[in-house]
N, C-alpha and C. Protein backbone atom coordinates (compact mmCIF):
# COMPACT_ATOMS: atom_id res chain seq x y z
N MET A 1 141.70 133.12 191.88
CA MET A 1 142.53 132.10 191.30
C MET A 1 143.64 132.78 190.50
N PRO A 2 144.82 132.98 191.05
CA PRO A 2 145.90 133.64 190.30
C PRO A 2 146.53 132.69 189.29
N VAL A 3 146.37 133.06 188.01
CA VAL A 3 146.97 132.27 186.94
C VAL A 3 148.06 133.04 186.23
N SER A 4 148.24 134.28 186.60
CA SER A 4 149.07 135.15 185.79
C SER A 4 150.23 135.81 186.54
N ILE A 5 150.71 135.22 187.59
CA ILE A 5 151.78 135.83 188.37
C ILE A 5 153.00 136.07 187.48
N GLY A 6 153.40 137.34 187.38
CA GLY A 6 154.56 137.70 186.59
C GLY A 6 154.30 137.90 185.11
N LEU A 7 153.08 137.64 184.65
CA LEU A 7 152.77 137.82 183.23
C LEU A 7 152.14 139.19 183.02
N PRO A 8 152.35 139.78 181.83
CA PRO A 8 151.69 141.06 181.54
C PRO A 8 150.18 140.86 181.46
N ILE A 9 149.43 141.87 181.84
CA ILE A 9 147.97 141.78 181.78
C ILE A 9 147.45 142.43 180.50
N VAL A 10 146.23 142.08 180.16
CA VAL A 10 145.51 142.74 179.08
C VAL A 10 144.83 143.95 179.73
N SER A 11 145.44 145.11 179.59
CA SER A 11 144.97 146.30 180.29
C SER A 11 143.67 146.85 179.71
N SER A 12 143.44 146.58 178.42
CA SER A 12 142.18 147.02 177.81
C SER A 12 141.88 146.17 176.58
N CYS A 13 140.60 146.03 176.32
CA CYS A 13 140.15 145.35 175.10
C CYS A 13 138.90 146.05 174.61
N SER A 14 138.94 146.51 173.38
CA SER A 14 137.80 147.23 172.81
C SER A 14 136.96 146.35 171.89
N VAL A 15 137.16 145.04 171.94
CA VAL A 15 136.45 144.11 171.06
C VAL A 15 135.19 143.63 171.78
N ALA A 16 134.08 144.35 171.59
CA ALA A 16 132.83 144.07 172.29
C ALA A 16 132.25 142.70 171.94
N SER A 17 132.54 142.18 170.76
CA SER A 17 131.96 140.92 170.33
C SER A 17 132.66 139.69 170.90
N CYS A 18 133.73 139.86 171.67
CA CYS A 18 134.45 138.72 172.24
C CYS A 18 133.77 138.26 173.52
N GLY A 19 133.57 136.96 173.64
CA GLY A 19 132.92 136.39 174.82
C GLY A 19 133.68 136.58 176.11
N TYR A 20 134.99 136.81 176.02
CA TYR A 20 135.79 137.04 177.23
C TYR A 20 135.81 138.50 177.65
N ASN A 21 135.35 139.41 176.77
CA ASN A 21 135.42 140.83 177.07
C ASN A 21 134.11 141.32 177.66
N HIS A 22 134.09 141.48 178.96
CA HIS A 22 132.97 142.11 179.66
C HIS A 22 133.57 142.85 180.83
N ASP A 23 133.62 144.17 180.67
CA ASP A 23 134.29 145.04 181.64
C ASP A 23 135.76 144.63 181.77
N GLY A 24 136.41 144.40 180.64
CA GLY A 24 137.80 143.96 180.58
C GLY A 24 137.89 142.53 180.09
N CYS A 25 139.08 142.09 179.76
CA CYS A 25 139.30 140.74 179.25
C CYS A 25 139.34 139.75 180.42
N HIS A 26 138.52 138.71 180.34
CA HIS A 26 138.44 137.73 181.41
C HIS A 26 138.78 136.31 180.97
N ALA A 27 139.53 136.18 179.88
CA ALA A 27 140.10 134.87 179.57
C ALA A 27 141.14 134.61 180.65
N GLY A 28 141.41 133.37 180.98
CA GLY A 28 142.45 133.11 181.98
C GLY A 28 143.77 133.71 181.53
N ALA A 29 144.10 133.48 180.26
CA ALA A 29 145.29 134.06 179.63
C ALA A 29 145.04 134.03 178.13
N ILE A 30 145.62 134.96 177.41
CA ILE A 30 145.48 134.97 175.96
C ILE A 30 146.82 134.61 175.33
N SER A 31 146.75 134.25 174.06
CA SER A 31 147.98 134.10 173.28
C SER A 31 147.86 135.01 172.07
N VAL A 32 148.99 135.49 171.61
CA VAL A 32 149.05 136.41 170.48
C VAL A 32 149.94 135.78 169.42
N GLY A 33 149.53 135.87 168.16
CA GLY A 33 150.37 135.31 167.11
C GLY A 33 149.67 135.27 165.77
N GLY A 34 150.11 134.36 164.94
CA GLY A 34 149.60 134.26 163.58
C GLY A 34 150.49 135.05 162.65
N SER A 35 149.92 135.44 161.53
CA SER A 35 150.69 136.19 160.53
C SER A 35 150.85 137.66 160.92
N HIS A 36 150.11 138.09 161.94
CA HIS A 36 150.24 139.44 162.49
C HIS A 36 149.92 139.34 163.98
N ALA A 37 149.71 140.41 164.64
CA ALA A 37 149.53 140.43 166.11
C ALA A 37 148.10 140.08 166.53
N HIS A 38 147.58 138.99 166.05
CA HIS A 38 146.20 138.58 166.32
C HIS A 38 146.05 137.99 167.72
N CYS A 39 144.96 138.33 168.39
CA CYS A 39 144.62 137.69 169.66
C CYS A 39 144.03 136.32 169.31
N ASN A 40 144.79 135.28 169.54
CA ASN A 40 144.36 133.92 169.19
C ASN A 40 143.26 133.41 170.10
N THR A 41 142.95 134.10 171.17
CA THR A 41 141.95 133.66 172.14
C THR A 41 140.58 134.27 171.85
N PHE A 42 140.49 135.19 170.91
CA PHE A 42 139.24 135.85 170.54
C PHE A 42 138.16 134.82 170.20
N VAL A 43 136.98 134.98 170.82
CA VAL A 43 135.82 134.14 170.54
C VAL A 43 134.65 135.06 170.21
N ASP A 44 134.17 135.01 168.99
CA ASP A 44 133.07 135.86 168.53
C ASP A 44 131.75 135.26 168.97
N THR A 45 131.22 135.76 170.09
CA THR A 45 129.96 135.26 170.63
C THR A 45 129.30 136.32 171.51
N ALA A 46 127.99 136.25 171.61
CA ALA A 46 127.27 137.14 172.52
C ALA A 46 127.32 136.63 173.95
N ASP A 47 127.63 135.34 174.14
CA ASP A 47 127.77 134.78 175.48
C ASP A 47 129.02 135.35 176.14
N LYS A 48 128.94 135.60 177.43
CA LYS A 48 130.07 136.14 178.17
C LYS A 48 130.53 135.14 179.23
N GLY A 49 131.83 134.95 179.32
CA GLY A 49 132.36 133.99 180.28
C GLY A 49 133.81 134.26 180.57
N GLY A 50 134.46 133.28 181.18
CA GLY A 50 135.86 133.39 181.51
C GLY A 50 136.10 133.42 183.00
N ALA A 51 137.27 133.87 183.38
CA ALA A 51 137.71 133.91 184.78
C ALA A 51 137.26 135.21 185.45
N ASP A 52 137.35 135.23 186.76
CA ASP A 52 137.03 136.46 187.51
C ASP A 52 138.10 137.52 187.34
N ALA A 53 139.34 137.10 187.22
CA ALA A 53 140.48 138.02 187.14
C ALA A 53 140.68 138.55 185.72
N THR A 54 141.43 139.62 185.61
CA THR A 54 141.83 140.17 184.32
C THR A 54 142.81 139.23 183.65
N ALA A 55 142.68 139.05 182.36
CA ALA A 55 143.53 138.12 181.61
C ALA A 55 144.98 138.58 181.56
N ALA A 56 145.85 137.59 181.43
CA ALA A 56 147.28 137.82 181.24
C ALA A 56 147.64 137.40 179.82
N VAL A 57 148.84 137.73 179.40
CA VAL A 57 149.35 137.30 178.10
C VAL A 57 150.21 136.06 178.37
N GLY A 58 149.70 134.90 178.01
CA GLY A 58 150.39 133.66 178.29
C GLY A 58 151.48 133.33 177.30
N ALA A 59 151.29 133.70 176.04
CA ALA A 59 152.29 133.37 175.01
C ALA A 59 152.18 134.35 173.85
N CYS A 60 153.31 134.55 173.19
CA CYS A 60 153.35 135.38 171.98
C CYS A 60 154.30 134.72 170.99
N SER A 61 153.81 134.44 169.80
CA SER A 61 154.64 133.79 168.79
C SER A 61 155.15 134.75 167.72
N LEU A 62 155.08 136.05 167.99
CA LEU A 62 155.53 137.05 167.02
C LEU A 62 157.01 137.36 167.21
N GLU A 63 157.86 136.65 166.50
CA GLU A 63 159.29 136.83 166.66
C GLU A 63 159.76 138.23 166.30
N ASP A 64 158.99 138.94 165.48
CA ASP A 64 159.40 140.28 165.05
C ASP A 64 158.90 141.38 165.99
N CYS A 65 158.33 141.04 167.15
CA CYS A 65 157.90 142.05 168.11
C CYS A 65 159.00 142.30 169.13
N GLN A 66 159.26 143.56 169.42
CA GLN A 66 160.32 143.90 170.36
C GLN A 66 160.00 143.45 171.79
N HIS A 67 158.74 143.16 172.08
CA HIS A 67 158.35 142.72 173.42
C HIS A 67 158.45 141.20 173.58
N ASN A 68 158.77 140.49 172.51
CA ASN A 68 158.84 139.03 172.56
C ASN A 68 160.23 138.57 172.98
N ASP A 69 160.28 137.79 174.05
CA ASP A 69 161.53 137.20 174.52
C ASP A 69 161.25 135.72 174.81
N ASN A 70 161.81 134.85 173.98
CA ASN A 70 161.60 133.41 174.13
C ASN A 70 160.12 133.04 174.11
N LEU A 71 159.38 133.65 173.19
CA LEU A 71 157.94 133.40 172.98
C LEU A 71 157.06 133.88 174.12
N MET A 72 157.60 134.75 174.96
CA MET A 72 156.84 135.34 176.06
C MET A 72 156.81 136.85 175.89
N CYS A 73 155.70 137.47 176.25
CA CYS A 73 155.56 138.92 176.15
C CYS A 73 156.23 139.58 177.34
N THR A 74 157.06 140.59 177.07
CA THR A 74 157.75 141.33 178.14
C THR A 74 157.21 142.74 178.34
N ALA A 75 156.14 143.10 177.63
CA ALA A 75 155.52 144.41 177.84
C ALA A 75 154.92 144.43 179.24
N ASP A 76 154.78 145.60 179.83
CA ASP A 76 154.15 145.70 181.15
C ASP A 76 152.69 145.26 181.09
N SER A 77 152.02 145.63 180.01
CA SER A 77 150.63 145.27 179.76
C SER A 77 150.38 145.47 178.27
N ILE A 78 149.27 144.95 177.78
CA ILE A 78 148.94 145.15 176.37
C ILE A 78 147.49 145.62 176.24
N ALA A 79 147.21 146.22 175.10
CA ALA A 79 145.85 146.59 174.72
C ALA A 79 145.47 145.74 173.52
N VAL A 80 144.20 145.33 173.48
CA VAL A 80 143.68 144.54 172.36
C VAL A 80 142.56 145.33 171.72
N GLY A 81 142.53 145.32 170.38
CA GLY A 81 141.48 146.03 169.65
C GLY A 81 141.60 145.76 168.17
N GLY A 82 140.78 146.43 167.40
CA GLY A 82 140.79 146.26 165.97
C GLY A 82 141.98 146.92 165.30
N SER A 83 142.61 146.19 164.41
CA SER A 83 143.73 146.71 163.63
C SER A 83 143.69 146.00 162.28
N THR A 84 144.57 145.04 162.07
CA THR A 84 144.53 144.22 160.86
C THR A 84 143.30 143.33 160.88
N ASP A 85 142.94 142.86 162.07
CA ASP A 85 141.81 141.97 162.31
C ASP A 85 140.91 142.61 163.35
N VAL A 86 139.86 141.93 163.74
CA VAL A 86 138.95 142.46 164.75
C VAL A 86 139.58 142.48 166.14
N ALA A 87 140.52 141.55 166.42
CA ALA A 87 141.13 141.47 167.74
C ALA A 87 142.64 141.28 167.59
N ASP A 88 143.36 142.36 167.75
CA ASP A 88 144.82 142.33 167.60
C ASP A 88 145.49 142.97 168.83
N CYS A 89 146.75 142.59 169.06
CA CYS A 89 147.54 143.23 170.09
C CYS A 89 147.97 144.60 169.57
N LEU A 90 147.43 145.64 170.17
CA LEU A 90 147.75 147.00 169.73
C LEU A 90 149.07 147.49 170.31
N THR A 91 149.68 146.71 171.18
CA THR A 91 150.96 147.05 171.79
C THR A 91 152.12 146.54 170.95
N PHE A 92 151.83 145.75 169.93
CA PHE A 92 152.88 145.22 169.05
C PHE A 92 153.78 146.35 168.58
N ALA A 93 155.09 146.11 168.65
CA ALA A 93 156.08 147.06 168.16
C ALA A 93 157.17 146.26 167.45
N ALA A 94 157.40 146.57 166.20
CA ALA A 94 158.39 145.83 165.42
C ALA A 94 159.78 146.02 165.99
N ARG A 95 160.55 144.92 165.94
CA ARG A 95 161.96 145.01 166.37
C ARG A 95 162.71 145.96 165.44
N VAL A 96 163.64 146.70 165.99
CA VAL A 96 164.47 147.59 165.16
C VAL A 96 165.85 147.04 165.02
């Protein structure tokens, strides 16, 4: 089921406690935003679920990220892991 044609993928996620992370991120698509580069799709659960395919980045509300263009991520792919929070976009790069 292709849901992510043309969208960047979540190339890696090191957040073991997320229900979508089992051998990679399997949410249909994630969104990134908040007061920092938080993965808004993070679900803290031991249950594992989601789609068969690797997740894409569906939306990004971080206006100060250089990869954000019209609320969409333009990075080739992103990594998710612990930073400010337990699940953050580690590919975030501040606009210069």
